[in-house]
Amino acid sequence: MSTRRALLLLHVAGAALLTFAVAGPARAQSTGIAACDDFLQKYDVCVTSKLPEAQRATYKAQLDQTRKAWLDMAKNPSAKSTMEQSCKQTTDAMKASLQSFGCSF
């Protein structure tokens, strides 16, 4: 496994753990938090248009897990208050990791 891919997987896994990810697709739904929705949309575009076909399924699954977790968290008023910052941190981490694929955030 390349270092770049390992770092990307680590960042996505970390984001999923930080948001108490649970498996399951939850595409195209809004979290109601601009920073989170912006990240999810840009990450989805990156995965579908820039990543090699052989890697897309893995990244799509991670995207679905993150989206589901964030949607669940957004339902909890006490968790929702911290999500804006968490989503911004996830965006910053992923921006660096995905830049090598030609993705822009």
N, C-alpha and C. Protein backbone atom coordinates (compact mmCIF):
# COMPACT_ATOMS: atom_id res chain seq x y z
N MET A 1 0.85 -1.16 0.00
CA MET A 1 0.00 0.00 0.00
C MET A 1 0.89 1.23 0.00
N SER A 2 0.57 2.19 -0.85
CA SER A 2 1.38 3.39 -0.93
C SER A 2 1.17 4.24 0.32
N THR A 3 2.14 5.06 0.61
CA THR A 3 2.05 5.96 1.76
C THR A 3 0.88 6.91 1.59
N ARG A 4 0.71 7.43 0.38
CA ARG A 4 -0.40 8.36 0.12
C ARG A 4 -1.74 7.70 0.40
N ARG A 5 -1.92 6.49 -0.07
CA ARG A 5 -3.18 5.79 0.15
C ARG A 5 -3.35 5.46 1.63
N ALA A 6 -2.30 5.05 2.28
CA ALA A 6 -2.37 4.73 3.71
C ALA A 6 -2.77 5.96 4.51
N LEU A 7 -2.19 7.11 4.17
CA LEU A 7 -2.54 8.35 4.87
C LEU A 7 -3.99 8.73 4.61
N LEU A 8 -4.43 8.57 3.38
CA LEU A 8 -5.81 8.90 3.05
C LEU A 8 -6.76 7.99 3.81
N LEU A 9 -6.46 6.71 3.83
CA LEU A 9 -7.31 5.78 4.58
C LEU A 9 -7.31 6.11 6.06
N LEU A 10 -6.17 6.49 6.59
CA LEU A 10 -6.08 6.86 7.99
C LEU A 10 -6.93 8.09 8.29
N HIS A 11 -6.87 9.10 7.43
CA HIS A 11 -7.66 10.31 7.63
C HIS A 11 -9.15 10.00 7.58
N VAL A 12 -9.56 9.23 6.59
CA VAL A 12 -10.98 8.91 6.46
C VAL A 12 -11.44 8.05 7.64
N ALA A 13 -10.62 7.08 8.02
CA ALA A 13 -10.98 6.25 9.16
C ALA A 13 -11.06 7.08 10.43
N GLY A 14 -10.14 8.00 10.58
CA GLY A 14 -10.16 8.89 11.74
C GLY A 14 -11.41 9.75 11.76
N ALA A 15 -11.77 10.28 10.62
CA ALA A 15 -12.99 11.09 10.54
C ALA A 15 -14.21 10.24 10.88
N ALA A 16 -14.22 9.02 10.40
CA ALA A 16 -15.34 8.14 10.70
C ALA A 16 -15.41 7.81 12.18
N LEU A 17 -14.26 7.53 12.78
CA LEU A 17 -14.24 7.25 14.21
C LEU A 17 -14.62 8.46 15.04
N LEU A 18 -14.13 9.61 14.65
CA LEU A 18 -14.46 10.83 15.38
C LEU A 18 -15.95 11.14 15.33
N THR A 19 -16.59 10.69 14.29
CA THR A 19 -18.01 10.97 14.15
C THR A 19 -18.87 9.74 14.45
N PHE A 20 -18.28 8.76 15.11
CA PHE A 20 -18.98 7.54 15.51
C PHE A 20 -19.68 6.89 14.32
N ALA A 21 -18.90 6.65 13.27
CA ALA A 21 -19.46 6.13 12.03
C ALA A 21 -20.10 4.77 12.20
N VAL A 22 -21.19 4.63 11.49
CA VAL A 22 -21.85 3.35 11.37
C VAL A 22 -22.09 3.09 9.90
N ALA A 23 -22.04 1.86 9.50
CA ALA A 23 -22.15 1.53 8.08
C ALA A 23 -23.55 1.81 7.56
N GLY A 24 -23.61 2.10 6.27
CA GLY A 24 -24.89 2.27 5.61
C GLY A 24 -24.88 3.49 4.71
N PRO A 25 -25.48 3.36 3.53
CA PRO A 25 -25.49 4.48 2.60
C PRO A 25 -26.47 5.56 3.06
N ALA A 26 -26.09 6.80 2.82
CA ALA A 26 -26.94 7.94 3.17
C ALA A 26 -26.65 9.07 2.20
N ARG A 27 -26.63 8.78 0.94
CA ARG A 27 -26.23 9.72 -0.10
C ARG A 27 -27.19 10.88 -0.25
N ALA A 28 -26.61 12.04 -0.59
CA ALA A 28 -27.33 13.21 -1.05
C ALA A 28 -28.24 13.85 -0.02
N GLN A 29 -28.17 13.47 1.20
CA GLN A 29 -28.94 14.12 2.25
C GLN A 29 -28.09 15.21 2.88
N SER A 30 -28.74 16.28 3.27
CA SER A 30 -28.03 17.39 3.89
C SER A 30 -27.94 17.18 5.40
N THR A 31 -26.79 17.53 5.95
CA THR A 31 -26.62 17.49 7.40
C THR A 31 -27.19 18.76 8.03
N GLY A 32 -27.38 19.78 7.22
CA GLY A 32 -27.84 21.06 7.73
C GLY A 32 -26.69 21.92 8.22
N ILE A 33 -25.47 21.45 8.02
CA ILE A 33 -24.27 22.18 8.44
C ILE A 33 -23.44 22.41 7.18
N ALA A 34 -23.30 23.68 6.82
CA ALA A 34 -22.68 24.03 5.54
C ALA A 34 -21.30 23.42 5.35
N ALA A 35 -20.44 23.47 6.36
CA ALA A 35 -19.08 22.94 6.22
C ALA A 35 -19.09 21.44 5.96
N CYS A 36 -20.02 20.74 6.59
CA CYS A 36 -20.11 19.28 6.41
C CYS A 36 -20.64 18.94 5.03
N ASP A 37 -21.72 19.61 4.64
CA ASP A 37 -22.31 19.34 3.33
C ASP A 37 -21.34 19.70 2.20
N ASP A 38 -20.60 20.79 2.37
CA ASP A 38 -19.62 21.20 1.37
C ASP A 38 -18.53 20.13 1.22
N PHE A 39 -18.01 19.65 2.35
CA PHE A 39 -16.99 18.60 2.29
C PHE A 39 -17.54 17.35 1.60
N LEU A 40 -18.72 16.90 2.00
CA LEU A 40 -19.28 15.67 1.44
C LEU A 40 -19.48 15.79 -0.07
N GLN A 41 -19.94 16.94 -0.52
CA GLN A 41 -20.16 17.14 -1.95
C GLN A 41 -18.83 17.15 -2.71
N LYS A 42 -17.84 17.87 -2.20
CA LYS A 42 -16.55 17.94 -2.88
C LYS A 42 -15.82 16.61 -2.86
N TYR A 43 -15.92 15.89 -1.75
CA TYR A 43 -15.30 14.58 -1.65
C TYR A 43 -15.94 13.62 -2.65
N ASP A 44 -17.27 13.67 -2.76
CA ASP A 44 -17.98 12.81 -3.70
C ASP A 44 -17.54 13.10 -5.14
N VAL A 45 -17.45 14.37 -5.51
CA VAL A 45 -17.00 14.75 -6.85
C VAL A 45 -15.58 14.25 -7.09
N CYS A 46 -14.73 14.41 -6.10
CA CYS A 46 -13.34 13.96 -6.22
C CYS A 46 -13.27 12.45 -6.48
N VAL A 47 -13.99 11.70 -5.65
CA VAL A 47 -13.95 10.24 -5.76
C VAL A 47 -14.48 9.78 -7.11
N THR A 48 -15.59 10.36 -7.55
CA THR A 48 -16.20 9.88 -8.79
C THR A 48 -15.49 10.37 -10.05
N SER A 49 -14.75 11.47 -9.95
CA SER A 49 -14.15 12.01 -11.17
C SER A 49 -12.63 11.96 -11.22
N LYS A 50 -11.96 11.78 -10.09
CA LYS A 50 -10.50 11.88 -10.09
C LYS A 50 -9.78 10.59 -9.68
N LEU A 51 -10.38 9.82 -8.81
CA LEU A 51 -9.70 8.62 -8.32
C LEU A 51 -9.74 7.51 -9.35
N PRO A 52 -8.71 6.67 -9.37
CA PRO A 52 -8.73 5.53 -10.29
C PRO A 52 -9.93 4.63 -9.99
N GLU A 53 -10.51 4.10 -11.02
CA GLU A 53 -11.71 3.26 -10.90
C GLU A 53 -11.54 2.15 -9.86
N ALA A 54 -10.38 1.55 -9.82
CA ALA A 54 -10.13 0.43 -8.89
C ALA A 54 -10.21 0.84 -7.43
N GLN A 55 -10.07 2.12 -7.12
CA GLN A 55 -10.09 2.60 -5.74
C GLN A 55 -11.42 3.23 -5.34
N ARG A 56 -12.28 3.47 -6.29
CA ARG A 56 -13.50 4.23 -6.01
C ARG A 56 -14.44 3.57 -5.02
N ALA A 57 -14.63 2.29 -5.12
CA ALA A 57 -15.59 1.61 -4.23
C ALA A 57 -15.21 1.78 -2.76
N THR A 58 -13.93 1.67 -2.47
CA THR A 58 -13.45 1.82 -1.10
C THR A 58 -13.74 3.23 -0.58
N TYR A 59 -13.40 4.23 -1.39
CA TYR A 59 -13.60 5.61 -0.96
C TYR A 59 -15.08 5.98 -0.90
N LYS A 60 -15.88 5.43 -1.80
CA LYS A 60 -17.33 5.66 -1.77
C LYS A 60 -17.93 5.09 -0.49
N ALA A 61 -17.48 3.91 -0.11
CA ALA A 61 -17.99 3.29 1.13
C ALA A 61 -17.62 4.16 2.34
N GLN A 62 -16.42 4.68 2.34
CA GLN A 62 -16.00 5.56 3.44
C GLN A 62 -16.81 6.85 3.44
N LEU A 63 -17.09 7.38 2.27
CA LEU A 63 -17.92 8.57 2.17
C LEU A 63 -19.31 8.30 2.71
N ASP A 64 -19.89 7.17 2.34
CA ASP A 64 -21.23 6.82 2.83
C ASP A 64 -21.25 6.68 4.35
N GLN A 65 -20.21 6.08 4.91
CA GLN A 65 -20.13 5.93 6.37
C GLN A 65 -20.02 7.29 7.06
N THR A 66 -19.20 8.15 6.51
CA THR A 66 -19.03 9.48 7.10
C THR A 66 -20.33 10.27 6.99
N ARG A 67 -20.97 10.23 5.83
CA ARG A 67 -22.23 10.95 5.64
C ARG A 67 -23.28 10.45 6.63
N LYS A 68 -23.41 9.14 6.78
CA LYS A 68 -24.39 8.56 7.71
C LYS A 68 -24.10 9.00 9.14
N ALA A 69 -22.86 8.96 9.52
CA ALA A 69 -22.48 9.37 10.88
C ALA A 69 -22.80 10.84 11.12
N TRP A 70 -22.48 11.68 10.15
CA TRP A 70 -22.74 13.11 10.31
C TRP A 70 -24.24 13.39 10.32
N LEU A 71 -25.00 12.69 9.51
CA LEU A 71 -26.46 12.86 9.54
C LEU A 71 -27.02 12.48 10.91
N ASP A 72 -26.52 11.38 11.45
CA ASP A 72 -26.97 10.95 12.78
C ASP A 72 -26.57 11.96 13.85
N MET A 73 -25.35 12.46 13.78
CA MET A 73 -24.88 13.44 14.75
C MET A 73 -25.67 14.74 14.67
N ALA A 74 -26.04 15.14 13.47
CA ALA A 74 -26.76 16.40 13.29
C ALA A 74 -28.13 16.36 13.95
N LYS A 75 -28.65 15.19 14.24
CA LYS A 75 -29.94 15.05 14.93
C LYS A 75 -29.82 15.31 16.43
N ASN A 76 -28.60 15.30 16.93
CA ASN A 76 -28.34 15.49 18.36
C ASN A 76 -27.88 16.93 18.59
N PRO A 77 -28.69 17.75 19.25
CA PRO A 77 -28.32 19.16 19.43
C PRO A 77 -26.96 19.37 20.11
N SER A 78 -26.60 18.53 21.06
CA SER A 78 -25.31 18.73 21.73
C SER A 78 -24.14 18.36 20.83
N ALA A 79 -24.30 17.39 19.96
CA ALA A 79 -23.24 17.02 19.02
C ALA A 79 -23.18 18.01 17.85
N LYS A 80 -24.33 18.47 17.44
CA LYS A 80 -24.41 19.36 16.29
C LYS A 80 -23.58 20.63 16.50
N SER A 81 -23.51 21.09 17.72
CA SER A 81 -22.79 22.33 18.00
C SER A 81 -21.28 22.22 17.74
N THR A 82 -20.74 21.04 17.75
CA THR A 82 -19.30 20.85 17.51
C THR A 82 -18.99 20.40 16.09
N MET A 83 -20.01 20.13 15.32
CA MET A 83 -19.79 19.54 14.00
C MET A 83 -19.14 20.49 13.00
N GLU A 84 -19.47 21.76 13.03
CA GLU A 84 -18.90 22.71 12.08
C GLU A 84 -17.37 22.64 12.12
N GLN A 85 -16.81 22.71 13.31
CA GLN A 85 -15.35 22.67 13.46
C GLN A 85 -14.79 21.31 13.06
N SER A 86 -15.47 20.25 13.44
CA SER A 86 -15.02 18.90 13.09
C SER A 86 -15.00 18.71 11.57
N CYS A 87 -16.02 19.20 10.90
CA CYS A 87 -16.08 19.07 9.44
C CYS A 87 -14.99 19.90 8.76
N LYS A 88 -14.71 21.07 9.31
CA LYS A 88 -13.63 21.90 8.77
C LYS A 88 -12.27 21.21 8.93
N GLN A 89 -12.07 20.56 10.07
CA GLN A 89 -10.82 19.84 10.30
C GLN A 89 -10.70 18.65 9.34
N THR A 90 -11.80 17.96 9.12
CA THR A 90 -11.79 16.84 8.18
C THR A 90 -11.47 17.34 6.77
N THR A 91 -12.05 18.46 6.39
CA THR A 91 -11.79 19.04 5.07
C THR A 91 -10.31 19.37 4.92
N ASP A 92 -9.73 20.01 5.94
CA ASP A 92 -8.31 20.37 5.87
C ASP A 92 -7.43 19.13 5.74
N ALA A 93 -7.75 18.10 6.49
CA ALA A 93 -6.95 16.86 6.44
C ALA A 93 -7.07 16.18 5.08
N MET A 94 -8.27 16.12 4.55
CA MET A 94 -8.49 15.43 3.29
C MET A 94 -7.98 16.24 2.10
N LYS A 95 -8.01 17.54 2.23
CA LYS A 95 -7.53 18.41 1.15
C LYS A 95 -6.10 18.06 0.77
N ALA A 96 -5.26 17.92 1.77
CA ALA A 96 -3.85 17.58 1.52
C ALA A 96 -3.72 16.18 0.94
N SER A 97 -4.48 15.24 1.47
CA SER A 97 -4.38 13.85 1.02
C SER A 97 -4.86 13.65 -0.41
N LEU A 98 -5.89 14.38 -0.80
CA LEU A 98 -6.49 14.18 -2.12
C LEU A 98 -5.91 15.08 -3.21
N GLN A 99 -5.09 16.02 -2.82
CA GLN A 99 -4.50 16.93 -3.79
C GLN A 99 -3.70 16.19 -4.85
N SER A 100 -3.04 15.13 -4.45
CA SER A 100 -2.21 14.38 -5.40
C SER A 100 -3.04 13.69 -6.49
N PHE A 101 -4.36 13.53 -6.24
CA PHE A 101 -5.25 12.97 -7.26
C PHE A 101 -5.82 14.06 -8.18
N GLY A 102 -5.50 15.30 -7.87
CA GLY A 102 -6.01 16.41 -8.66
C GLY A 102 -7.32 16.96 -8.14
N CYS A 103 -7.66 16.61 -6.90
CA CYS A 103 -8.90 17.10 -6.29
C CYS A 103 -8.63 18.45 -5.65
N SER A 104 -9.64 19.31 -5.69
CA SER A 104 -9.50 20.61 -5.04
C SER A 104 -10.68 20.83 -4.11
N PHE A 105 -10.37 21.42 -2.99
CA PHE A 105 -11.40 21.69 -1.97
C PHE A 105 -11.45 23.17 -1.70
